[in-house]
Amino acid sequence: YVLTIEPEPDQPADAAADDQTTFWLGTLAMLVLLAVSVGLAIYMWRLTYVLEPGYSVRFTGVQGLDPSQNPAISPAFNLTVHVNNKQHMRRVYQEENTVIVYYDEGSSNSTTRSIGWGKMPAFCVDRWSTTDLDVSLSNQGLFLSQRSREKMEADLKSAQIHISVEIKPAHPEESSKPCLTLCGGKAIGQSFPALSAMPMPMPSKCSTLCATERKYIY
């Protein structure tokens, strides 16, 4: 017997092209799925562990800030701190914080001095929610130099006093992120009337600085 081996017919060109197209489409789909999965994982990680809530500060009342009669003033401030946790999927808890108000004395080296302080109460904000905190600050018998008095009186006449608000942890050494939340604000009004007559400036955005760095925003 003579065994004859017939050659296999060549694969049609169209079938080979289809196989190659299917391979590349499958590879592309896997890469897209991988990219989406990684992006989703990073997004969820940031929502859960990284992002901090947003803060804004509004002055609702300022009194006792008129140095024209006495070199020693006793300023009192009322603030509303708005905590925005709407974009985060984790609950936020903060212990009691110290709040300090600084006044820009306007010298060449941008000297600032504290003119009031107080405590912001501890709070919890549920995920996807907000809360407002009322904070009262004061300082009794604060002595101002002649230059500072003149500068503050001029600021009162122009209805613009450049101040900054510093919010910091009461025990930064125990904090996993020893950061300062800094907000710039402008108190408006020549005589700084009572709370009911105080103009309501727009909330000032805050920024967060970590470690020991301190920055003032006017």
C-alpha atoms as a PDB file:
ATOM      1  CA  TYR A   1       0.000   0.000   0.000  1.00  0.00           C
ATOM      2  CA  VAL A   2       1.133   3.454  -0.754  1.00  0.00           C
ATOM      3  CA  LEU A   3       0.151   6.004   1.896  1.00  0.00           C
ATOM      4  CA  THR A   4      -0.490   9.347   0.406  1.00  0.00           C
ATOM      5  CA  ILE A   5      -0.645  12.349   2.782  1.00  0.00           C
ATOM      6  CA  GLU A   6      -2.700  15.096   1.401  1.00  0.00           C
ATOM      7  CA  PRO A   7      -1.599  18.610   2.494  1.00  0.00           C
ATOM      8  CA  GLU A   8      -4.066  20.445   4.666  1.00  0.00           C
ATOM      9  CA  PRO A   9      -5.838  23.223   2.910  1.00  0.00           C
ATOM     10  CA  ASP A  10      -4.587  26.689   3.714  1.00  0.00           C
ATOM     11  CA  GLN A  11      -6.635  28.576   6.326  1.00  0.00           C
ATOM     12  CA  PRO A  12      -8.695  31.241   4.673  1.00  0.00           C
ATOM     13  CA  ALA A  13      -7.259  34.748   5.066  1.00  0.00           C
ATOM     14  CA  ASP A  14     -10.524  36.088   6.457  1.00  0.00           C
ATOM     15  CA  ALA A  15     -10.576  33.574   9.320  1.00  0.00           C
ATOM     16  CA  ALA A  16      -6.990  34.437  10.338  1.00  0.00           C
ATOM     17  CA  ALA A  17      -7.808  38.123  10.366  1.00  0.00           C
ATOM     18  CA  ASP A  18     -10.889  37.478  12.497  1.00  0.00           C
ATOM     19  CA  ASP A  19      -8.856  35.520  15.034  1.00  0.00           C
ATOM     20  CA  GLN A  20      -6.290  38.318  15.289  1.00  0.00           C
ATOM     21  CA  THR A  21      -9.000  40.947  15.716  1.00  0.00           C
ATOM     22  CA  THR A  22     -10.658  38.890  18.443  1.00  0.00           C
ATOM     23  CA  PHE A  23      -7.331  38.533  20.267  1.00  0.00           C
ATOM     24  CA  TRP A  24      -6.602  42.260  20.259  1.00  0.00           C
ATOM     25  CA  LEU A  25     -10.156  43.177  21.233  1.00  0.00           C
ATOM     26  CA  GLY A  26      -9.983  40.773  24.164  1.00  0.00           C
ATOM     27  CA  THR A  27      -6.623  42.199  25.250  1.00  0.00           C
ATOM     28  CA  LEU A  28      -7.946  45.750  25.030  1.00  0.00           C
ATOM     29  CA  ALA A  29     -11.041  44.846  27.038  1.00  0.00           C
ATOM     30  CA  MET A  30      -8.884  43.294  29.764  1.00  0.00           C
ATOM     31  CA  LEU A  31      -6.663  46.378  29.932  1.00  0.00           C
ATOM     32  CA  VAL A  32      -9.670  48.693  30.176  1.00  0.00           C
ATOM     33  CA  LEU A  33     -11.203  46.530  32.901  1.00  0.00           C
ATOM     34  CA  LEU A  34      -7.908  46.523  34.802  1.00  0.00           C
ATOM     35  CA  ALA A  35      -7.587  50.318  34.554  1.00  0.00           C
ATOM     36  CA  VAL A  36     -11.159  50.831  35.752  1.00  0.00           C
ATOM     37  CA  SER A  37     -10.623  48.438  38.664  1.00  0.00           C
ATOM     38  CA  VAL A  38      -7.415  50.182  39.752  1.00  0.00           C
ATOM     39  CA  GLY A  39      -9.044  53.596  39.438  1.00  0.00           C
ATOM     40  CA  LEU A  40     -12.026  52.491  41.496  1.00  0.00           C
ATOM     41  CA  ALA A  41      -9.761  51.025  44.166  1.00  0.00           C
ATOM     42  CA  ILE A  42      -7.763  54.261  44.427  1.00  0.00           C
ATOM     43  CA  TYR A  43     -10.945  56.341  44.546  1.00  0.00           C
ATOM     44  CA  MET A  44     -12.452  54.231  47.322  1.00  0.00           C
ATOM     45  CA  TRP A  45      -9.185  54.328  49.259  1.00  0.00           C
ATOM     46  CA  ARG A  46      -9.067  58.110  49.035  1.00  0.00           C
ATOM     47  CA  LEU A  47     -12.679  58.426  50.143  1.00  0.00           C
ATOM     48  CA  THR A  48     -12.119  56.133  53.086  1.00  0.00           C
ATOM     49  CA  TYR A  49      -8.674  57.065  54.367  1.00  0.00           C
ATOM     50  CA  VAL A  50      -7.213  60.174  52.746  1.00  0.00           C
ATOM     51  CA  LEU A  51      -9.697  62.949  52.140  1.00  0.00           C
ATOM     52  CA  GLU A  52     -10.409  65.286  55.028  1.00  0.00           C
ATOM     53  CA  PRO A  53     -13.697  67.172  55.420  1.00  0.00           C
ATOM     54  CA  GLY A  54     -13.917  70.706  54.108  1.00  0.00           C
ATOM     55  CA  TYR A  55     -13.998  73.618  56.537  1.00  0.00           C
ATOM     56  CA  SER A  56     -15.228  77.175  56.165  1.00  0.00           C
ATOM     57  CA  VAL A  57     -15.426  79.963  58.739  1.00  0.00           C
ATOM     58  CA  ARG A  58     -17.827  82.881  59.012  1.00  0.00           C
ATOM     59  CA  PHE A  59     -17.650  85.760  61.471  1.00  0.00           C
ATOM     60  CA  THR A  60     -21.090  86.362  62.957  1.00  0.00           C
ATOM     61  CA  GLY A  61     -20.171  88.958  65.570  1.00  0.00           C
ATOM     62  CA  VAL A  62     -17.236  91.104  66.671  1.00  0.00           C
ATOM     63  CA  GLN A  63     -17.247  93.414  69.686  1.00  0.00           C
ATOM     64  CA  GLY A  64     -14.801  95.335  71.859  1.00  0.00           C
ATOM     65  CA  LEU A  65     -12.316  95.993  69.078  1.00  0.00           C
ATOM     66  CA  ASP A  66     -12.125  99.789  69.332  1.00  0.00           C
ATOM     67  CA  PRO A  67      -8.751 101.076  70.590  1.00  0.00           C
ATOM     68  CA  SER A  68      -9.633 104.769  70.266  1.00  0.00           C
ATOM     69  CA  GLN A  69     -10.604 105.117  73.942  1.00  0.00           C
ATOM     70  CA  ASN A  70      -8.145 102.857  75.699  1.00  0.00           C
ATOM     71  CA  PRO A  71      -4.851 101.198  74.740  1.00  0.00           C
ATOM     72  CA  ALA A  72      -6.127  97.969  76.321  1.00  0.00           C
ATOM     73  CA  ILE A  73      -8.965  96.311  74.411  1.00  0.00           C
ATOM     74  CA  SER A  74     -11.143  93.297  75.195  1.00  0.00           C
ATOM     75  CA  PRO A  75     -12.229  91.854  71.861  1.00  0.00           C
ATOM     76  CA  ALA A  76     -14.876  89.155  71.569  1.00  0.00           C
ATOM     77  CA  PHE A  77     -15.632  87.141  68.441  1.00  0.00           C
ATOM     78  CA  ASN A  78     -18.409  84.810  67.422  1.00  0.00           C
ATOM     79  CA  LEU A  79     -17.623  82.333  64.655  1.00  0.00           C
ATOM     80  CA  THR A  80     -19.541  79.665  62.826  1.00  0.00           C
ATOM     81  CA  VAL A  81     -17.370  76.800  61.607  1.00  0.00           C
ATOM     82  CA  HIS A  82     -19.026  74.825  58.814  1.00  0.00           C
ATOM     83  CA  VAL A  83     -17.809  71.233  58.421  1.00  0.00           C
ATOM     84  CA  ASN A  84     -18.630  69.658  55.061  1.00  0.00           C
ATOM     85  CA  ASN A  85     -18.396  65.874  54.899  1.00  0.00           C
ATOM     86  CA  LYS A  86     -20.819  65.406  51.990  1.00  0.00           C
ATOM     87  CA  GLN A  87     -18.286  63.904  49.605  1.00  0.00           C
ATOM     88  CA  HIS A  88     -16.835  61.371  52.014  1.00  0.00           C
ATOM     89  CA  MET A  89     -18.095  57.912  52.849  1.00  0.00           C
ATOM     90  CA  ARG A  90     -16.653  57.773  56.338  1.00  0.00           C
ATOM     91  CA  ARG A  91     -17.759  59.317  59.597  1.00  0.00           C
ATOM     92  CA  VAL A  92     -15.512  62.068  60.941  1.00  0.00           C
ATOM     93  CA  TYR A  93     -14.788  62.580  64.618  1.00  0.00           C
ATOM     94  CA  GLN A  94     -12.707  65.452  65.958  1.00  0.00           C
ATOM     95  CA  GLU A  95     -11.772  66.125  69.538  1.00  0.00           C
ATOM     96  CA  GLU A  96     -11.837  69.593  71.069  1.00  0.00           C
ATOM     97  CA  ASN A  97      -9.689  72.061  69.126  1.00  0.00           C
ATOM     98  CA  THR A  98      -8.104  75.376  69.987  1.00  0.00           C
ATOM     99  CA  VAL A  99      -9.167  78.345  67.861  1.00  0.00           C
ATOM    100  CA  ILE A 100      -7.025  81.494  67.664  1.00  0.00           C
ATOM    101  CA  VAL A 101      -7.718  84.794  65.900  1.00  0.00           C
ATOM    102  CA  TYR A 102      -4.685  86.742  64.656  1.00  0.00           C
ATOM    103  CA  TYR A 103      -4.511  90.380  63.621  1.00  0.00           C
ATOM    104  CA  ASP A 104      -2.186  91.560  60.883  1.00  0.00           C
ATOM    105  CA  GLU A 105      -0.383  94.596  62.241  1.00  0.00           C
ATOM    106  CA  GLY A 106       0.739  95.544  58.751  1.00  0.00           C
ATOM    107  CA  SER A 107       4.450  95.941  59.321  1.00  0.00           C
ATOM    108  CA  SER A 108       7.059  95.250  56.672  1.00  0.00           C
ATOM    109  CA  ASN A 109       7.591  91.702  57.946  1.00  0.00           C
ATOM    110  CA  SER A 110       3.847  90.970  58.189  1.00  0.00           C
ATOM    111  CA  THR A 111       3.751  90.807  61.968  1.00  0.00           C
ATOM    112  CA  THR A 112       0.682  89.108  63.402  1.00  0.00           C
ATOM    113  CA  ARG A 113      -0.481  88.785  66.971  1.00  0.00           C
ATOM    114  CA  SER A 114      -3.221  86.814  68.651  1.00  0.00           C
ATOM    115  CA  ILE A 115      -6.195  88.919  69.700  1.00  0.00           C
ATOM    116  CA  GLY A 116      -8.612  86.197  70.769  1.00  0.00           C
ATOM    117  CA  TRP A 117      -8.838  82.488  71.422  1.00  0.00           C
ATOM    118  CA  GLY A 118     -11.243  79.832  72.564  1.00  0.00           C
ATOM    119  CA  LYS A 119     -12.258  76.201  72.173  1.00  0.00           C
ATOM    120  CA  MET A 120     -14.089  74.551  69.312  1.00  0.00           C
ATOM    121  CA  PRO A 121     -16.153  71.692  70.781  1.00  0.00           C
ATOM    122  CA  ALA A 122     -15.635  68.081  69.838  1.00  0.00           C
ATOM    123  CA  PHE A 123     -17.928  66.932  67.070  1.00  0.00           C
ATOM    124  CA  CYS A 124     -18.956  63.990  64.926  1.00  0.00           C
ATOM    125  CA  VAL A 125     -20.144  64.322  61.338  1.00  0.00           C
ATOM    126  CA  ASP A 126     -21.832  61.403  59.642  1.00  0.00           C
ATOM    127  CA  ARG A 127     -20.833  60.462  56.124  1.00  0.00           C
ATOM    128  CA  TRP A 128     -22.386  62.531  53.355  1.00  0.00           C
ATOM    129  CA  SER A 129     -23.518  65.221  55.802  1.00  0.00           C
ATOM    130  CA  THR A 130     -22.556  68.624  57.234  1.00  0.00           C
ATOM    131  CA  THR A 131     -22.627  70.375  60.585  1.00  0.00           C
ATOM    132  CA  ASP A 132     -22.195  73.911  61.940  1.00  0.00           C
ATOM    133  CA  LEU A 133     -20.303  74.713  65.129  1.00  0.00           C
ATOM    134  CA  ASP A 134     -20.678  77.971  67.056  1.00  0.00           C
ATOM    135  CA  VAL A 135     -17.432  79.163  68.612  1.00  0.00           C
ATOM    136  CA  SER A 136     -16.900  82.119  70.954  1.00  0.00           C
ATOM    137  CA  LEU A 137     -13.450  83.675  71.324  1.00  0.00           C
ATOM    138  CA  SER A 138     -12.296  86.460  73.614  1.00  0.00           C
ATOM    139  CA  ASN A 139      -9.307  88.202  75.125  1.00  0.00           C
ATOM    140  CA  GLN A 140      -9.471  90.414  78.193  1.00  0.00           C
ATOM    141  CA  GLY A 141      -7.217  93.425  78.655  1.00  0.00           C
ATOM    142  CA  LEU A 142      -5.139  93.073  75.492  1.00  0.00           C
ATOM    143  CA  PHE A 143      -2.613  95.916  75.374  1.00  0.00           C
ATOM    144  CA  LEU A 144      -1.780  97.392  71.984  1.00  0.00           C
ATOM    145  CA  SER A 145       1.235  99.503  71.136  1.00  0.00           C
ATOM    146  CA  GLN A 146       0.696 102.988  69.733  1.00  0.00           C
ATOM    147  CA  ARG A 147       1.541 101.784  66.234  1.00  0.00           C
ATOM    148  CA  SER A 148      -0.894  98.882  66.496  1.00  0.00           C
ATOM    149  CA  ARG A 149      -3.637 101.151  67.805  1.00  0.00           C
ATOM    150  CA  GLU A 150      -3.162 103.586  64.931  1.00  0.00           C
ATOM    151  CA  LYS A 151      -3.171 100.744  62.424  1.00  0.00           C
ATOM    152  CA  MET A 152      -6.336  99.221  63.866  1.00  0.00           C
ATOM    153  CA  GLU A 153      -8.124 102.582  63.963  1.00  0.00           C
ATOM    154  CA  ALA A 154      -7.240 103.151  60.311  1.00  0.00           C
ATOM    155  CA  ASP A 155      -8.514  99.677  59.455  1.00  0.00           C
ATOM    156  CA  LEU A 156     -11.766 100.370  61.278  1.00  0.00           C
ATOM    157  CA  LYS A 157     -12.296 103.556  59.287  1.00  0.00           C
ATOM    158  CA  SER A 158     -11.719 101.700  56.037  1.00  0.00           C
ATOM    159  CA  ALA A 159     -14.068  98.908  57.203  1.00  0.00           C
ATOM    160  CA  GLN A 160     -11.410  96.264  56.546  1.00  0.00           C
ATOM    161  CA  ILE A 161      -9.518  94.468  59.289  1.00  0.00           C
ATOM    162  CA  HIS A 162      -7.206  91.727  58.069  1.00  0.00           C
ATOM    163  CA  ILE A 163      -7.361  88.783  60.404  1.00  0.00           C
ATOM    164  CA  SER A 164      -6.795  85.052  60.166  1.00  0.00           C
ATOM    165  CA  VAL A 165      -8.243  82.134  62.071  1.00  0.00           C
ATOM    166  CA  GLU A 166      -6.161  79.172  63.149  1.00  0.00           C
ATOM    167  CA  ILE A 167      -7.757  75.896  64.195  1.00  0.00           C
ATOM    168  CA  LYS A 168      -5.425  73.259  65.571  1.00  0.00           C
ATOM    169  CA  PRO A 169      -5.644  70.024  67.570  1.00  0.00           C
ATOM    170  CA  ALA A 170      -5.542  70.404  71.326  1.00  0.00           C
ATOM    171  CA  HIS A 171      -3.048  67.520  71.523  1.00  0.00           C
ATOM    172  CA  PRO A 172      -1.139  67.464  68.219  1.00  0.00           C
ATOM    173  CA  GLU A 173       1.359  64.936  69.549  1.00  0.00           C
ATOM    174  CA  GLU A 174      -1.493  62.412  69.849  1.00  0.00           C
ATOM    175  CA  SER A 175      -2.894  63.152  66.421  1.00  0.00           C
ATOM    176  CA  SER A 176      -2.182  60.861  63.492  1.00  0.00           C
ATOM    177  CA  LYS A 177      -2.064  63.977  61.322  1.00  0.00           C
ATOM    178  CA  PRO A 178      -0.828  66.965  63.354  1.00  0.00           C
ATOM    179  CA  CYS A 179      -2.244  69.557  60.974  1.00  0.00           C
ATOM    180  CA  LEU A 180      -3.447  73.118  61.235  1.00  0.00           C
ATOM    181  CA  THR A 181      -6.564  74.251  59.450  1.00  0.00           C
ATOM    182  CA  LEU A 182      -6.151  77.889  58.478  1.00  0.00           C
ATOM    183  CA  CYS A 183      -8.869  80.237  57.324  1.00  0.00           C
ATOM    184  CA  GLY A 184      -8.565  83.834  56.179  1.00  0.00           C
ATOM    185  CA  GLY A 185     -11.356  86.264  56.984  1.00  0.00           C
ATOM    186  CA  LYS A 186     -12.195  89.954  56.983  1.00  0.00           C
ATOM    187  CA  ALA A 187     -14.238  91.477  59.746  1.00  0.00           C
ATOM    188  CA  ILE A 188     -16.445  94.214  58.310  1.00  0.00           C
ATOM    189  CA  GLY A 189     -17.955  97.234  60.043  1.00  0.00           C
ATOM    190  CA  GLN A 190     -16.520 100.400  61.561  1.00  0.00           C
ATOM    191  CA  SER A 191     -18.044 100.131  65.021  1.00  0.00           C
ATOM    192  CA  PHE A 192     -18.405  96.337  65.007  1.00  0.00           C
ATOM    193  CA  PRO A 193     -22.076  96.269  66.083  1.00  0.00           C
ATOM    194  CA  ALA A 194     -23.860  93.553  67.968  1.00  0.00           C
ATOM    195  CA  LEU A 195     -24.536  90.153  66.494  1.00  0.00           C
ATOM    196  CA  SER A 196     -27.936  91.027  65.025  1.00  0.00           C
ATOM    197  CA  ALA A 197     -26.540  93.984  63.076  1.00  0.00           C
ATOM    198  CA  MET A 198     -23.262  92.413  62.044  1.00  0.00           C
ATOM    199  CA  PRO A 199     -22.857  92.044  58.265  1.00  0.00           C
ATOM    200  CA  MET A 200     -22.559  88.434  57.148  1.00  0.00           C
ATOM    201  CA  PRO A 201     -19.473  87.971  54.975  1.00  0.00           C
ATOM    202  CA  MET A 202     -19.260  84.994  52.687  1.00  0.00           C
ATOM    203  CA  PRO A 203     -17.598  81.960  54.286  1.00  0.00           C
ATOM    204  CA  SER A 204     -13.835  81.848  53.862  1.00  0.00           C
ATOM    205  CA  LYS A 205     -12.244  78.719  52.493  1.00  0.00           C
ATOM    206  CA  CYS A 206      -9.714  76.977  54.652  1.00  0.00           C
ATOM    207  CA  SER A 207      -6.500  75.179  53.878  1.00  0.00           C
ATOM    208  CA  THR A 208      -4.683  72.506  55.847  1.00  0.00           C
ATOM    209  CA  LEU A 209      -0.979  72.550  56.652  1.00  0.00           C
ATOM    210  CA  CYS A 210       0.691  69.646  58.396  1.00  0.00           C
ATOM    211  CA  ALA A 211       3.683  69.382  60.727  1.00  0.00           C
ATOM    212  CA  THR A 212       4.750  72.623  62.422  1.00  0.00           C
ATOM    213  CA  GLU A 213       4.431  75.014  59.501  1.00  0.00           C
ATOM    214  CA  ARG A 214       2.133  77.980  60.073  1.00  0.00           C
ATOM    215  CA  LYS A 215       0.789  80.258  57.396  1.00  0.00           C
ATOM    216  CA  TYR A 216      -1.487  83.249  57.544  1.00  0.00           C
ATOM    217  CA  ILE A 217      -4.059  84.021  54.882  1.00  0.00           C
ATOM    218  CA  TYR A 218      -5.445  87.544  54.678  1.00  0.00           C
END
